[in-house]
């Protein structure tokens, strides 16, 4: 019997979701016994044969490098020549968040980072690259992870001054939801409005944390269960061949929109009303004429204004929104393909398949 250690804190959505993925893989491994770290589980690595760990400090990295057992890291905070990694694709995450802001009509950008971590830096590089900004010129505020964890401490004068210096209508990308929560709390103390003054977007989709914030926080959701499942699969391969070193990057899902990114699109009330109508009715079948009848604007006027802001037609935007919701449901739900097609407001299953393949190059079944 192989004793597999899980060195996770089990204190947040990230760890719990990764653990679910590990357990899903281990169901078919009758020779595996899963042991979580902590008072109820193993306290010493000598009791385990292989390890999946969330390595968050240099000291942890160096300690695990010395073990004579297979180790898979699921954080990617520090590079190691000896430890295999299954992690979120942080460059892609940053890039998608940059494009999300740009598609909102935002043109001023800033970022909050966790200092001295690879994942935070890669999110910054992807973010700046997607916006064609030299990363050295991106307006950033960086502090250690423990500083961000103190989310209700608003007394750092440097942080306050930095937030107050941001231009009106800045898209502030926070590298995780902890930093986004601290930003939101501090902005509220400073009487800076979110989202009309500063638009906030986090990462992880820590649902409880995001919903506790005032306003609620939009966040990029990650495929955490898939990270856990793949980490277990990689560990299985390492048990067979300990000399391998494997690195996997799992792409993120999509932005889960909440109040912190709900804004007036480029100051245009008609476009804003159109976007809100689309998002509210995304699960139904509606036409562009339904939108213009609802908001009291001519179709030609709305099409011109819409294309000016988003560089696309209203119809194409609607299809894109429906497909993004479909992608999320394909990964995060157990709904059948036909049910997802209906849930996303496609008139027929055939139309859903054709639209999905045209956009992503693969069928919904293969994507799932």
Protein backbone atom coordinates (compact mmCIF):
# COMPACT_ATOMS: atom_id res chain seq x y z
CA UNK A 1 0.00 0.00 0.00
CA UNK A 2 1.40 3.41 -1.05
CA UNK A 3 0.86 6.21 1.46
CA UNK A 4 0.28 9.45 -0.45
CA UNK A 5 0.70 12.67 1.53
CA UNK A 6 -1.32 15.85 0.86
CA UNK A 7 0.54 18.86 2.27
CA UNK A 8 -2.32 21.36 2.04
CA UNK A 9 -3.79 23.68 4.67
CA UNK A 10 -7.42 22.82 3.79
CA UNK A 11 -8.30 26.37 4.84
CA UNK A 12 -9.40 27.80 1.51
CA UNK A 13 -11.22 27.04 -1.73
CA UNK A 14 -7.92 26.43 -3.54
CA UNK A 15 -6.76 23.59 -1.28
CA UNK A 16 -10.18 22.00 -0.89
CA UNK A 17 -10.80 21.94 -4.64
CA UNK A 18 -7.34 20.57 -5.43
CA UNK A 19 -7.90 17.85 -2.81
CA UNK A 20 -11.19 16.87 -4.49
CA UNK A 21 -9.32 16.37 -7.76
CA UNK A 22 -6.69 14.21 -6.06
CA UNK A 23 -9.37 12.06 -4.44
CA UNK A 24 -11.20 11.69 -7.75
CA UNK A 25 -8.06 10.22 -9.34
CA UNK A 26 -7.24 8.04 -6.33
CA UNK A 27 -10.63 6.28 -6.46
CA UNK A 28 -9.20 3.91 -9.06
CA UNK A 29 -5.91 3.40 -7.18
CA UNK A 30 -6.64 0.53 -4.81
CA UNK A 31 -3.01 0.54 -3.66
CA UNK A 32 -3.12 4.22 -2.57
CA UNK A 33 -3.87 5.51 0.92
CA UNK A 34 -4.36 9.30 1.02
CA UNK A 35 -3.05 11.09 4.12
CA UNK A 36 -3.58 14.83 4.67
CA UNK A 37 -1.04 16.82 6.68
CA UNK A 38 -2.11 18.02 10.12
CA UNK A 39 -3.01 16.86 13.60
CA UNK A 40 -5.30 14.10 12.33
CA UNK A 41 -2.91 12.89 9.66
CA UNK A 42 0.83 12.54 9.12
CA UNK A 43 3.22 14.85 10.98
CA UNK A 44 6.46 13.52 9.54
CA UNK A 45 7.36 12.81 5.92
CA UNK A 46 8.98 9.52 6.93
CA UNK A 47 5.48 8.03 7.08
CA UNK A 48 4.65 8.69 3.41
CA UNK A 49 5.84 7.29 0.07
CA UNK A 50 4.97 10.25 -2.18
CA UNK A 51 3.73 13.80 -1.69
CA UNK A 52 1.51 16.45 -3.29
CA UNK A 53 2.27 19.82 -1.72
CA UNK A 54 1.38 23.50 -1.95
CA UNK A 55 4.87 24.93 -1.61
CA UNK A 56 4.65 28.58 -0.54
CA UNK A 57 8.04 29.34 1.02
CA UNK A 58 11.69 28.90 0.04
CA UNK A 59 12.20 26.86 3.21
CA UNK A 60 9.47 24.40 2.18
CA UNK A 61 10.93 24.09 -1.31
CA UNK A 62 14.40 23.32 0.06
CA UNK A 63 13.01 20.81 2.57
CA UNK A 64 11.03 18.88 -0.06
CA UNK A 65 13.96 18.88 -2.48
CA UNK A 66 15.88 16.82 0.09
CA UNK A 67 13.23 14.10 0.38
CA UNK A 68 13.90 10.80 -1.33
CA UNK A 69 10.30 10.45 -2.48
CA UNK A 70 8.32 11.74 -5.50
CA UNK A 71 6.95 15.26 -4.89
CA UNK A 72 4.49 17.30 -6.98
CA UNK A 73 4.01 21.01 -6.25
CA UNK A 74 0.62 22.57 -7.04
CA UNK A 75 1.51 26.21 -6.30
CA UNK A 76 4.37 27.13 -8.63
CA UNK A 77 5.60 29.88 -6.31
CA UNK A 78 9.27 28.87 -6.59
CA UNK A 79 11.19 27.16 -9.38
CA UNK A 80 12.90 23.85 -8.60
CA UNK A 81 15.07 21.57 -10.74
CA UNK A 82 14.06 18.59 -8.62
CA UNK A 83 10.32 18.93 -7.99
CA UNK A 84 7.61 18.32 -10.58
CA UNK A 85 4.84 20.90 -10.88
CA UNK A 86 1.18 20.90 -11.86
CA UNK A 87 -0.07 24.46 -11.66
CA UNK A 88 -2.40 27.03 -13.05
CA UNK A 89 -1.24 28.71 -16.26
CA UNK A 90 -0.52 32.07 -14.66
CA UNK A 91 0.64 33.82 -17.85
CA UNK A 92 -2.65 32.91 -19.54
CA UNK A 93 -4.56 33.99 -16.43
CA UNK A 94 -2.99 37.44 -16.49
CA UNK A 95 -3.51 37.72 -20.23
CA UNK A 96 -7.20 36.89 -20.03
CA UNK A 97 -7.71 39.39 -17.22
CA UNK A 98 -6.04 42.10 -19.31
CA UNK A 99 -8.28 41.33 -22.28
CA UNK A 100 -11.31 41.32 -20.00
CA UNK A 101 -10.53 44.84 -18.78
CA UNK A 102 -9.86 46.04 -22.32
CA UNK A 103 -13.17 44.65 -23.54
CA UNK A 104 -14.90 46.59 -20.76
CA UNK A 105 -13.56 49.79 -22.31
CA UNK A 106 -10.93 50.31 -19.57
CA UNK A 107 -7.77 52.10 -20.74
CA UNK A 108 -5.89 52.79 -17.47
CA UNK A 109 -4.32 49.77 -15.77
CA UNK A 110 -2.56 48.87 -12.51
CA UNK A 111 -1.79 45.69 -10.57
CA UNK A 112 -1.31 44.38 -7.03
CA UNK A 113 1.23 41.55 -6.67
CA UNK A 114 2.52 39.11 -4.08
CA UNK A 115 6.25 39.81 -4.00
CA UNK A 116 8.92 37.19 -4.74
CA UNK A 117 6.59 34.53 -6.17
CA UNK A 118 6.70 33.08 -9.69
CA UNK A 119 2.93 32.75 -10.06
CA UNK A 120 2.29 36.42 -9.24
CA UNK A 121 5.06 37.62 -11.55
CA UNK A 122 3.80 35.45 -14.41
CA UNK A 123 0.29 36.83 -13.99
CA UNK A 124 1.78 40.32 -14.20
CA UNK A 125 3.77 39.46 -17.34
CA UNK A 126 0.72 37.94 -19.04
CA UNK A 127 -1.42 40.91 -18.02
CA UNK A 128 1.02 43.52 -19.36
CA UNK A 129 1.69 41.53 -22.55
CA UNK A 130 -2.03 41.27 -23.38
CA UNK A 131 -2.28 45.06 -23.16
CA UNK A 132 0.94 45.73 -25.11
CA UNK A 133 2.45 47.43 -22.05
CA UNK A 134 6.13 47.03 -21.15
CA UNK A 135 5.95 45.21 -17.80
CA UNK A 136 8.51 47.61 -16.33
CA UNK A 137 6.11 50.48 -17.00
CA UNK A 138 3.04 48.80 -15.51
CA UNK A 139 1.91 50.61 -12.35
CA UNK A 140 2.31 47.94 -9.64
CA UNK A 141 2.13 47.63 -5.86
CA UNK A 142 3.88 44.58 -4.38
CA UNK A 143 3.94 43.14 -0.85
CA UNK A 144 4.57 39.67 0.71
CA UNK A 145 1.68 37.21 0.99
CA UNK A 146 1.31 37.63 4.76
CA UNK A 147 0.88 41.38 4.31
CA UNK A 148 -2.05 40.81 1.96
CA UNK A 149 -3.59 38.25 4.33
CA UNK A 150 -4.13 41.04 6.88
CA UNK A 151 -7.12 42.18 4.84
CA UNK A 152 -8.67 44.50 7.45
CA UNK A 153 -5.53 46.52 8.16
CA UNK A 154 -5.89 49.78 6.22
CA UNK A 155 -3.11 51.75 7.90
CA UNK A 156 -0.26 51.41 5.38
CA UNK A 157 0.27 55.00 4.22
CA UNK A 158 2.26 53.95 1.14
CA UNK A 159 -0.59 51.70 0.04
CA UNK A 160 -3.19 54.41 0.65
CA UNK A 161 -1.18 56.98 -1.31
CA UNK A 162 -0.66 54.55 -4.18
CA UNK A 163 -4.39 53.84 -4.43
CA UNK A 164 -5.19 57.56 -4.28
CA UNK A 165 -2.72 58.20 -7.11
CA UNK A 166 -4.50 55.89 -9.56
CA UNK A 167 -6.26 57.67 -12.44
CA UNK A 168 -10.05 57.68 -12.57
CA UNK A 169 -11.51 54.58 -14.20
CA UNK A 170 -8.41 52.40 -13.59
CA UNK A 171 -8.70 48.65 -14.06
CA UNK A 172 -6.88 47.24 -11.00
CA UNK A 173 -5.83 43.61 -11.48
CA UNK A 174 -5.24 41.88 -8.14
CA UNK A 175 -3.16 38.71 -8.41
CA UNK A 176 -5.50 36.84 -6.04
CA UNK A 177 -8.75 37.39 -4.17
CA UNK A 178 -6.98 38.11 -0.88
CA UNK A 179 -5.28 41.15 -2.36
CA UNK A 180 -8.54 42.16 -4.07
CA UNK A 181 -10.36 42.04 -0.73
CA UNK A 182 -7.71 44.20 0.95
CA UNK A 183 -7.88 46.67 -1.94
CA UNK A 184 -11.68 46.88 -1.72
CA UNK A 185 -11.59 47.41 2.06
CA UNK A 186 -8.94 50.13 1.82
CA UNK A 187 -10.70 51.94 -1.04
CA UNK A 188 -13.88 52.01 1.05
CA UNK A 189 -11.98 53.62 3.94
CA UNK A 190 -10.56 56.18 1.48
CA UNK A 191 -14.07 56.88 0.08
CA UNK A 192 -12.94 55.82 -3.40
CA UNK A 193 -15.86 54.22 -5.23
CA UNK A 194 -15.77 50.75 -6.80
CA UNK A 195 -16.42 50.31 -9.69
CA UNK A 196 -17.08 53.89 -10.88
CA UNK A 197 -13.60 55.12 -9.81
CA UNK A 198 -11.58 51.88 -9.64
CA UNK A 199 -12.58 48.58 -11.27
CA UNK A 200 -11.28 45.53 -9.34
CA UNK A 201 -10.66 42.02 -10.68
CA UNK A 202 -9.16 39.19 -8.61
CA UNK A 203 -8.13 35.58 -9.23
CA UNK A 204 -9.20 32.24 -7.64
CA UNK A 205 -12.96 32.87 -7.37
CA UNK A 206 -12.88 32.32 -3.60
CA UNK A 207 -16.65 32.53 -3.55
CA UNK A 208 -17.20 33.28 0.14
CA UNK A 209 -14.44 35.90 0.19
CA UNK A 210 -15.74 37.51 -3.00
CA UNK A 211 -19.31 37.65 -1.68
CA UNK A 212 -18.26 39.08 1.71
CA UNK A 213 -16.59 42.03 0.05
CA UNK A 214 -18.42 45.32 -0.40
CA UNK A 215 -18.89 45.57 -3.33
CA UNK A 216 -18.76 41.88 -4.26
CA UNK A 217 -15.64 40.95 -6.23
CA UNK A 218 -15.35 39.73 -9.79
CA UNK A 219 -12.70 37.03 -10.10
CA UNK A 220 -11.03 34.72 -12.61
CA UNK A 221 -12.04 31.13 -11.82
CA UNK A 222 -9.36 28.42 -12.02
CA UNK A 223 -9.62 24.69 -12.83
CA UNK A 224 -8.55 23.63 -9.35
CA UNK A 225 -10.04 20.13 -9.37
CA UNK A 226 -8.30 19.49 -12.69
CA UNK A 227 -5.02 20.66 -11.13
CA UNK A 228 -5.51 18.16 -8.29
CA UNK A 229 -6.49 15.32 -10.62
CA UNK A 230 -3.52 15.97 -12.91
CA UNK A 231 -1.15 16.29 -9.94
CA UNK A 232 -2.22 12.84 -8.74
CA UNK A 233 -1.78 11.45 -12.26
CA UNK A 234 1.72 12.93 -12.47
CA UNK A 235 2.59 11.57 -9.02
CA UNK A 236 1.48 8.14 -10.19
CA UNK A 237 3.94 8.39 -13.11
CA UNK A 238 6.72 9.56 -10.78
CA UNK A 239 6.19 6.60 -8.47
CA UNK A 240 6.93 4.38 -11.48
CA UNK A 241 9.91 6.50 -12.59
CA UNK A 242 11.34 8.80 -9.91
CA UNK A 243 13.93 10.24 -12.31
CA UNK A 244 11.30 12.11 -14.31
CA UNK A 245 10.56 15.81 -13.86
CA UNK A 246 7.17 16.84 -15.20
CA UNK A 247 5.61 20.30 -15.54
CA UNK A 248 1.94 20.85 -16.42
CA UNK A 249 0.13 24.17 -16.81
CA UNK A 250 -3.66 24.11 -16.57
CA UNK A 251 -5.50 27.03 -18.25
CA UNK A 252 -7.99 29.06 -16.18
CA UNK A 253 -11.74 29.09 -16.76
CA UNK A 254 -13.41 32.50 -17.16
CA UNK A 255 -14.15 35.63 -15.16
CA UNK A 256 -17.05 35.27 -12.73
CA UNK A 257 -18.59 38.73 -12.83
CA UNK A 258 -19.83 40.50 -9.72
CA UNK A 259 -20.28 44.13 -8.66
CA UNK A 260 -16.62 45.23 -8.74
CA UNK A 261 -16.56 45.26 -12.57
CA UNK A 262 -20.12 46.44 -13.26
CA UNK A 263 -19.58 49.87 -14.78
CA UNK A 264 -20.82 52.36 -17.32
CA UNK A 265 -19.20 51.22 -20.57
CA UNK A 266 -17.13 54.09 -21.94
CA UNK A 267 -19.67 56.53 -20.51
CA UNK A 268 -22.35 55.27 -22.93
CA UNK A 269 -25.67 54.59 -21.20
CA UNK A 270 -27.17 52.79 -24.23
CA UNK A 271 -24.24 50.39 -24.61
CA UNK A 272 -24.26 49.79 -20.84
CA UNK A 273 -27.98 48.98 -20.88
CA UNK A 274 -27.42 46.65 -23.84
CA UNK A 275 -24.63 44.79 -22.02
CA UNK A 276 -26.74 44.45 -18.88
CA UNK A 277 -29.67 43.12 -20.96
CA UNK A 278 -27.41 40.56 -22.65
CA UNK A 279 -25.92 39.32 -19.37
CA UNK A 280 -29.31 39.17 -17.63
CA UNK A 281 -30.95 37.23 -20.47
CA UNK A 282 -27.98 35.12 -21.61
CA UNK A 283 -29.88 31.90 -20.89
CA UNK A 284 -32.76 32.81 -23.19
CA UNK A 285 -33.16 33.18 -26.93
CA UNK A 286 -33.30 36.86 -27.94
CA UNK A 287 -32.36 39.06 -30.89
CA UNK A 288 -30.65 42.41 -31.36
CA UNK A 289 -34.10 43.89 -32.06
CA UNK A 290 -35.24 42.71 -28.62
CA UNK A 291 -32.38 44.71 -27.10
CA UNK A 292 -33.04 47.95 -28.99
CA UNK A 293 -36.77 47.72 -28.23
CA UNK A 294 -35.95 47.37 -24.54
CA UNK A 295 -33.51 50.29 -24.27
CA UNK A 296 -35.22 52.73 -26.64
CA UNK A 297 -32.38 53.27 -29.11
CA UNK A 298 -32.27 52.71 -32.87
CA UNK A 299 -30.47 49.58 -34.04
CA UNK A 300 -28.10 51.54 -36.28
CA UNK A 301 -27.10 53.92 -33.47
CA UNK A 302 -26.49 51.06 -31.05
CA UNK A 303 -24.50 49.05 -33.62
CA UNK A 304 -22.22 52.06 -34.31
CA UNK A 305 -21.64 52.80 -30.62
CA UNK A 306 -21.14 49.12 -29.81
CA UNK A 307 -18.56 48.60 -32.55
CA UNK A 308 -16.72 51.78 -31.49
CA UNK A 309 -16.21 50.41 -27.96
CA UNK A 310 -15.82 46.65 -28.55
CA UNK A 311 -14.77 46.49 -32.21
CA UNK A 312 -17.38 43.82 -32.88
CA UNK A 313 -21.08 43.55 -33.74
CA UNK A 314 -23.80 43.15 -31.13
CA UNK A 315 -24.68 39.70 -32.50
CA UNK A 316 -21.05 38.51 -32.29
CA UNK A 317 -20.83 39.80 -28.71
CA UNK A 318 -23.99 37.89 -27.76
CA UNK A 319 -22.64 34.64 -29.24
CA UNK A 320 -19.30 35.18 -27.44
CA UNK A 321 -21.07 35.64 -24.09
CA UNK A 322 -23.15 32.50 -24.63
CA UNK A 323 -20.05 30.47 -25.55
CA UNK A 324 -18.14 31.70 -22.51
CA UNK A 325 -20.98 30.58 -20.26
CA UNK A 326 -21.08 27.24 -22.09
CA UNK A 327 -17.34 26.72 -21.53
CA UNK A 328 -17.78 27.33 -17.82
CA UNK A 329 -20.69 24.89 -17.57
CA UNK A 330 -18.81 22.23 -19.55
CA UNK A 331 -16.02 22.29 -16.98
CA UNK A 332 -17.84 23.11 -13.75
CA UNK A 333 -21.13 21.22 -14.08
CA UNK A 334 -22.43 17.74 -14.80
CA UNK A 335 -25.12 19.00 -17.18
CA UNK A 336 -25.56 17.14 -20.45
CA UNK A 337 -24.51 18.93 -23.65
CA UNK A 338 -28.16 19.41 -24.67
CA UNK A 339 -28.93 20.97 -21.28
CA UNK A 340 -25.94 23.33 -21.57
CA UNK A 341 -27.10 24.38 -25.04
CA UNK A 342 -30.51 25.25 -23.61
CA UNK A 343 -29.03 26.91 -20.49
CA UNK A 344 -26.97 29.23 -22.70
CA UNK A 345 -29.89 30.26 -24.89
CA UNK A 346 -28.92 28.57 -28.14
CA UNK A 347 -31.95 27.92 -30.34
CA UNK A 348 -30.88 24.37 -31.14
CA UNK A 349 -28.23 21.82 -30.24
CA UNK A 350 -26.94 21.92 -33.83
CA UNK A 351 -26.44 25.69 -33.66
CA UNK A 352 -24.59 25.32 -30.35
CA UNK A 353 -22.25 22.68 -31.81
CA UNK A 354 -21.57 24.73 -34.93
CA UNK A 355 -20.88 27.94 -32.97
CA UNK A 356 -18.62 26.16 -30.47
CA UNK A 357 -16.55 24.41 -33.15
CA UNK A 358 -16.23 27.62 -35.17
CA UNK A 359 -14.92 29.51 -32.12
CA UNK A 360 -12.71 26.91 -30.41
CA UNK A 361 -11.91 24.37 -33.14
CA UNK A 362 -13.22 21.38 -31.14
CA UNK A 363 -16.63 20.01 -30.18
CA UNK A 364 -18.18 20.65 -26.74
CA UNK A 365 -17.70 16.96 -25.86
CA UNK A 366 -13.98 17.06 -26.65
CA UNK A 367 -13.56 20.36 -24.79
CA UNK A 368 -15.12 18.79 -21.68
